[in-house]
């Protein structure tokens, strides 16, 4: 039974260490994305919605 208490306490300590490492990484800006906003403007034109197929077939017939 004492092994369970030992394993639970060790797992809580490891979880706290990972949580502190995550908070530190977020505060130092490791997850900031500086590249995507500068490239996003190059791909804005590709986001236009396509016409439905029924309209495209009518235009081809004309």
PDB file of N, CA and C in Angstrom:
ATOM      1  N   UNK A   1       0.824  -1.200   0.000  1.00  0.00           N
ATOM      2  CA  UNK A   1       0.000   0.000   0.000  1.00  0.00           C
ATOM      3  C   UNK A   1       0.865   1.260   0.000  1.00  0.00           C
ATOM      4  N   UNK A   2       2.015   1.192   0.611  1.00  0.00           N
ATOM      5  CA  UNK A   2       2.883   2.365   0.658  1.00  0.00           C
ATOM      6  C   UNK A   2       3.463   2.678  -0.724  1.00  0.00           C
ATOM      7  N   UNK A   3       3.540   1.676  -1.610  1.00  0.00           N
ATOM      8  CA  UNK A   3       4.041   1.904  -2.963  1.00  0.00           C
ATOM      9  C   UNK A   3       3.086   2.809  -3.729  1.00  0.00           C
ATOM     10  N   UNK A   4       1.804   2.665  -3.505  1.00  0.00           N
ATOM     11  CA  UNK A   4       0.820   3.511  -4.180  1.00  0.00           C
ATOM     12  C   UNK A   4       1.002   4.967  -3.777  1.00  0.00           C
ATOM     13  N   UNK A   5       1.217   5.209  -2.493  1.00  0.00           N
ATOM     14  CA  UNK A   5       1.448   6.583  -2.029  1.00  0.00           C
ATOM     15  C   UNK A   5       2.725   7.156  -2.628  1.00  0.00           C
ATOM     16  N   UNK A   6       3.739   6.326  -2.744  1.00  0.00           N
ATOM     17  CA  UNK A   6       4.999   6.769  -3.345  1.00  0.00           C
ATOM     18  C   UNK A   6       4.803   7.114  -4.822  1.00  0.00           C
ATOM     19  N   UNK A   7       4.109   6.247  -5.556  1.00  0.00           N
ATOM     20  CA  UNK A   7       3.892   6.500  -6.977  1.00  0.00           C
ATOM     21  C   UNK A   7       3.008   7.724  -7.217  1.00  0.00           C
ATOM     22  N   UNK A   8       1.998   7.903  -6.407  1.00  0.00           N
ATOM     23  CA  UNK A   8       1.134   9.080  -6.553  1.00  0.00           C
ATOM     24  C   UNK A   8       1.911  10.353  -6.264  1.00  0.00           C
ATOM     25  N   UNK A   9       2.722  10.360  -5.237  1.00  0.00           N
ATOM     26  CA  UNK A   9       3.496  11.568  -4.913  1.00  0.00           C
ATOM     27  C   UNK A   9       4.531  11.869  -5.989  1.00  0.00           C
ATOM     28  N   UNK A  10       5.171  10.840  -6.534  1.00  0.00           N
ATOM     29  CA  UNK A  10       6.141  11.063  -7.608  1.00  0.00           C
ATOM     30  C   UNK A  10       5.439  11.577  -8.867  1.00  0.00           C
ATOM     31  N   UNK A  11       4.283  11.033  -9.191  1.00  0.00           N
ATOM     32  CA  UNK A  11       3.568  11.491 -10.382  1.00  0.00           C
ATOM     33  C   UNK A  11       3.087  12.929 -10.236  1.00  0.00           C
ATOM     34  N   UNK A  12       2.692  13.315  -9.032  1.00  0.00           N
ATOM     35  CA  UNK A  12       2.288  14.709  -8.809  1.00  0.00           C
ATOM     36  C   UNK A  12       3.480  15.640  -8.952  1.00  0.00           C
ATOM     37  N   UNK A  13       4.630  15.235  -8.451  1.00  0.00           N
ATOM     38  CA  UNK A  13       5.839  16.056  -8.577  1.00  0.00           C
ATOM     39  C   UNK A  13       6.232  16.201 -10.048  1.00  0.00           C
ATOM     40  N   UNK A  14       6.171  15.109 -10.805  1.00  0.00           N
ATOM     41  CA  UNK A  14       6.501  15.171 -12.236  1.00  0.00           C
ATOM     42  C   UNK A  14       5.495  16.052 -12.983  1.00  0.00           C
ATOM     43  N   UNK A  15       4.230  15.960 -12.641  1.00  0.00           N
ATOM     44  CA  UNK A  15       3.215  16.796 -13.286  1.00  0.00           C
ATOM     45  C   UNK A  15       3.458  18.273 -12.994  1.00  0.00           C
ATOM     46  N   UNK A  16       3.833  18.588 -11.777  1.00  0.00           N
ATOM     47  CA  UNK A  16       4.128  19.978 -11.421  1.00  0.00           C
ATOM     48  C   UNK A  16       5.338  20.487 -12.188  1.00  0.00           C
ATOM     49  N   UNK A  17       6.349  19.645 -12.351  1.00  0.00           N
ATOM     50  CA  UNK A  17       7.542  20.044 -13.107  1.00  0.00           C
ATOM     51  C   UNK A  17       7.183  20.326 -14.571  1.00  0.00           C
ATOM     52  N   UNK A  18       6.368  19.463 -15.178  1.00  0.00           N
ATOM     53  CA  UNK A  18       5.958  19.699 -16.568  1.00  0.00           C
ATOM     54  C   UNK A  18       5.088  20.946 -16.680  1.00  0.00           C
ATOM     55  N   UNK A  19       4.248  21.205 -15.711  1.00  0.00           N
ATOM     56  CA  UNK A  19       3.410  22.396 -15.744  1.00  0.00           C
ATOM     57  C   UNK A  19       4.257  23.664 -15.639  1.00  0.00           C
ATOM     58  N   UNK A  20       5.256  23.645 -14.778  1.00  0.00           N
ATOM     59  CA  UNK A  20       6.154  24.802 -14.651  1.00  0.00           C
ATOM     60  C   UNK A  20       6.938  25.010 -15.942  1.00  0.00           C
ATOM     61  N   UNK A  21       7.399  23.921 -16.563  1.00  0.00           N
ATOM     62  CA  UNK A  21       8.123  24.047 -17.829  1.00  0.00           C
ATOM     63  C   UNK A  21       7.217  24.613 -18.920  1.00  0.00           C
ATOM     64  N   UNK A  22       5.957  24.203 -18.944  1.00  0.00           N
ATOM     65  CA  UNK A  22       5.015  24.723 -19.934  1.00  0.00           C
ATOM     66  C   UNK A  22       4.761  26.212 -19.724  1.00  0.00           C
ATOM     67  N   UNK A  23       4.524  26.621 -18.486  1.00  0.00           N
ATOM     68  CA  UNK A  23       4.287  28.035 -18.192  1.00  0.00           C
ATOM     69  C   UNK A  23       5.505  28.871 -18.569  1.00  0.00           C
ATOM     70  N   UNK A  24       6.688  28.365 -18.289  1.00  0.00           N
ATOM     71  CA  UNK A  24       7.914  29.099 -18.625  1.00  0.00           C
ATOM     72  C   UNK A  24       8.057  29.228 -20.149  1.00  0.00           C
ATOM     73  N   UNK A  25       7.743  28.168 -20.883  1.00  0.00           N
ATOM     74  CA  UNK A  25       7.848  28.217 -22.345  1.00  0.00           C
ATOM     75  C   UNK A  25       6.852  29.211 -22.932  1.00  0.00           C
ATOM     76  N   UNK A  26       5.654  29.280 -22.369  1.00  0.00           N
ATOM     77  CA  UNK A  26       4.658  30.225 -22.867  1.00  0.00           C
ATOM     78  C   UNK A  26       5.086  31.657 -22.577  1.00  0.00           C
ATOM     79  N   UNK A  27       5.624  31.893 -21.404  1.00  0.00           N
ATOM     80  CA  UNK A  27       6.037  33.264 -21.043  1.00  0.00           C
ATOM     81  C   UNK A  27       7.234  33.735 -21.851  1.00  0.00           C
ATOM     82  N   UNK A  28       8.114  32.833 -22.263  1.00  0.00           N
ATOM     83  CA  UNK A  28       9.278  33.250 -23.047  1.00  0.00           C
ATOM     84  C   UNK A  28       8.967  33.372 -24.530  1.00  0.00           C
ATOM     85  N   UNK A  29       7.738  33.010 -24.935  1.00  0.00           N
ATOM     86  CA  UNK A  29       7.332  33.202 -26.318  1.00  0.00           C
ATOM     87  C   UNK A  29       7.709  32.064 -27.243  1.00  0.00           C
ATOM     88  N   UNK A  30       7.921  30.896 -26.716  1.00  0.00           N
ATOM     89  CA  UNK A  30       8.304  29.771 -27.556  1.00  0.00           C
ATOM     90  C   UNK A  30       7.190  29.365 -28.511  1.00  0.00           C
ATOM     91  N   UNK A  31       5.947  29.596 -28.155  1.00  0.00           N
ATOM     92  CA  UNK A  31       4.823  29.203 -28.992  1.00  0.00           C
ATOM     93  C   UNK A  31       4.312  30.340 -29.867  1.00  0.00           C
ATOM     94  N   UNK A  32       4.996  31.467 -29.899  1.00  0.00           N
ATOM     95  CA  UNK A  32       4.596  32.568 -30.771  1.00  0.00           C
ATOM     96  C   UNK A  32       4.925  32.214 -32.218  1.00  0.00           C
ATOM     97  N   UNK A  33       4.018  32.518 -33.105  1.00  0.00           N
ATOM     98  CA  UNK A  33       4.201  32.220 -34.516  1.00  0.00           C
ATOM     99  C   UNK A  33       4.463  33.525 -35.256  1.00  0.00           C
ATOM    100  N   UNK A  34       5.707  33.737 -35.612  1.00  0.00           N
ATOM    101  CA  UNK A  34       6.078  34.957 -36.317  1.00  0.00           C
ATOM    102  C   UNK A  34       6.087  34.784 -37.827  1.00  0.00           C
ATOM    103  N   UNK A  35       6.102  33.565 -38.292  1.00  0.00           N
ATOM    104  CA  UNK A  35       6.233  33.314 -39.725  1.00  0.00           C
ATOM    105  C   UNK A  35       4.894  33.335 -40.466  1.00  0.00           C
ATOM    106  N   UNK A  36       3.883  32.727 -39.915  1.00  0.00           N
ATOM    107  CA  UNK A  36       2.607  32.579 -40.616  1.00  0.00           C
ATOM    108  C   UNK A  36       1.934  33.902 -40.968  1.00  0.00           C
ATOM    109  N   UNK A  37       1.865  34.900 -40.083  1.00  0.00           N
ATOM    110  CA  UNK A  37       1.204  36.151 -40.477  1.00  0.00           C
ATOM    111  C   UNK A  37       1.857  36.836 -41.669  1.00  0.00           C
ATOM    112  N   UNK A  38       3.169  36.712 -41.823  1.00  0.00           N
ATOM    113  CA  UNK A  38       3.833  37.362 -42.951  1.00  0.00           C
ATOM    114  C   UNK A  38       3.568  36.630 -44.265  1.00  0.00           C
ATOM    115  N   UNK A  39       3.258  35.352 -44.203  1.00  0.00           N
ATOM    116  CA  UNK A  39       3.011  34.572 -45.414  1.00  0.00           C
ATOM    117  C   UNK A  39       1.526  34.494 -45.733  1.00  0.00           C
ATOM    118  N   UNK A  40       0.682  34.712 -44.757  1.00  0.00           N
ATOM    119  CA  UNK A  40      -0.768  34.581 -44.946  1.00  0.00           C
ATOM    120  C   UNK A  40      -1.282  35.519 -46.034  1.00  0.00           C
ATOM    121  N   UNK A  41      -0.704  36.705 -46.145  1.00  0.00           N
ATOM    122  CA  UNK A  41      -1.175  37.653 -47.148  1.00  0.00           C
ATOM    123  C   UNK A  41      -0.906  37.157 -48.572  1.00  0.00           C
ATOM    124  N   UNK A  42       0.037  36.253 -48.744  1.00  0.00           N
ATOM    125  CA  UNK A  42       0.316  35.715 -50.071  1.00  0.00           C
ATOM    126  C   UNK A  42      -0.737  34.719 -50.521  1.00  0.00           C
ATOM    127  N   UNK A  43      -1.441  34.105 -49.579  1.00  0.00           N
ATOM    128  CA  UNK A  43      -2.405  33.061 -49.907  1.00  0.00           C
ATOM    129  C   UNK A  43      -3.850  33.509 -49.733  1.00  0.00           C
ATOM    130  N   UNK A  44      -4.091  34.786 -49.535  1.00  0.00           N
ATOM    131  CA  UNK A  44      -5.455  35.269 -49.344  1.00  0.00           C
ATOM    132  C   UNK A  44      -6.316  35.084 -50.585  1.00  0.00           C
ATOM    133  N   UNK A  45      -5.736  35.200 -51.766  1.00  0.00           N
ATOM    134  CA  UNK A  45      -6.512  35.091 -52.993  1.00  0.00           C
ATOM    135  C   UNK A  45      -7.035  33.680 -53.229  1.00  0.00           C
ATOM    136  N   UNK A  46      -6.377  32.679 -52.688  1.00  0.00           N
ATOM    137  CA  UNK A  46      -6.798  31.300 -52.907  1.00  0.00           C
ATOM    138  C   UNK A  46      -7.996  30.914 -52.048  1.00  0.00           C
ATOM    139  N   UNK A  47      -8.412  31.757 -51.150  1.00  0.00           N
ATOM    140  CA  UNK A  47      -9.499  31.433 -50.258  1.00  0.00           C
ATOM    141  C   UNK A  47     -10.864  31.825 -50.799  1.00  0.00           C
ATOM    142  N   UNK A  48     -10.940  32.266 -52.057  1.00  0.00           N
ATOM    143  CA  UNK A  48     -12.229  32.649 -52.627  1.00  0.00           C
ATOM    144  C   UNK A  48     -13.073  31.397 -52.847  1.00  0.00           C
ATOM    145  N   UNK A  49     -14.349  31.450 -52.515  1.00  0.00           N
ATOM    146  CA  UNK A  49     -15.193  30.260 -52.683  1.00  0.00           C
ATOM    147  C   UNK A  49     -15.466  29.997 -54.165  1.00  0.00           C
ATOM    148  N   UNK A  50     -15.584  28.739 -54.499  1.00  0.00           N
ATOM    149  CA  UNK A  50     -15.878  28.371 -55.885  1.00  0.00           C
ATOM    150  C   UNK A  50     -17.374  28.489 -56.144  1.00  0.00           C
ATOM    151  N   UNK A  51     -17.714  28.683 -57.407  1.00  0.00           N
ATOM    152  CA  UNK A  51     -19.118  28.755 -57.781  1.00  0.00           C
ATOM    153  C   UNK A  51     -19.714  27.356 -57.730  1.00  0.00           C
ATOM    154  N   UNK A  52     -20.986  27.242 -57.445  1.00  0.00           N
ATOM    155  CA  UNK A  52     -21.623  25.924 -57.489  1.00  0.00           C
ATOM    156  C   UNK A  52     -21.562  25.339 -58.893  1.00  0.00           C
ATOM    157  N   UNK A  53     -21.597  24.023 -59.010  1.00  0.00           N
ATOM    158  CA  UNK A  53     -21.437  23.364 -60.303  1.00  0.00           C
ATOM    159  C   UNK A  53     -22.569  23.689 -61.270  1.00  0.00           C
ATOM    160  N   UNK A  54     -23.757  23.931 -60.760  1.00  0.00           N
ATOM    161  CA  UNK A  54     -24.876  24.226 -61.662  1.00  0.00           C
ATOM    162  C   UNK A  54     -24.644  25.542 -62.400  1.00  0.00           C
ATOM    163  N   UNK A  55     -24.067  26.515 -61.745  1.00  0.00           N
ATOM    164  CA  UNK A  55     -23.789  27.797 -62.398  1.00  0.00           C
ATOM    165  C   UNK A  55     -22.647  27.631 -63.390  1.00  0.00           C
ATOM    166  N   UNK A  56     -21.646  26.832 -63.052  1.00  0.00           N
ATOM    167  CA  UNK A  56     -20.516  26.630 -63.953  1.00  0.00           C
ATOM    168  C   UNK A  56     -20.958  25.915 -65.227  1.00  0.00           C
ATOM    169  N   UNK A  57     -21.844  24.959 -65.144  1.00  0.00           N
ATOM    170  CA  UNK A  57     -22.296  24.253 -66.330  1.00  0.00           C
ATOM    171  C   UNK A  57     -23.134  25.173 -67.234  1.00  0.00           C
ATOM    172  N   UNK A  58     -23.924  26.073 -66.631  1.00  0.00           N
ATOM    173  CA  UNK A  58     -24.709  27.021 -67.427  1.00  0.00           C
ATOM    174  C   UNK A  58     -23.778  27.980 -68.143  1.00  0.00           C
ATOM    175  N   UNK A  59     -22.727  28.430 -67.475  1.00  0.00           N
ATOM    176  CA  UNK A  59     -21.776  29.354 -68.109  1.00  0.00           C
ATOM    177  C   UNK A  59     -21.038  28.671 -69.248  1.00  0.00           C
ATOM    178  N   UNK A  60     -20.734  27.389 -69.125  1.00  0.00           N
ATOM    179  CA  UNK A  60     -20.029  26.688 -70.192  1.00  0.00           C
ATOM    180  C   UNK A  60     -20.916  26.520 -71.424  1.00  0.00           C
ATOM    181  N   UNK A  61     -22.215  26.381 -71.219  1.00  0.00           N
ATOM    182  CA  UNK A  61     -23.130  26.197 -72.330  1.00  0.00           C
ATOM    183  C   UNK A  61     -23.332  27.494 -73.108  1.00  0.00           C
ATOM    184  N   UNK A  62     -23.154  28.616 -72.440  1.00  0.00           N
ATOM    185  CA  UNK A  62     -23.358  29.918 -73.094  1.00  0.00           C
ATOM    186  C   UNK A  62     -22.157  30.300 -73.857  1.00  0.00           C
TER     187      UNK A  62
END
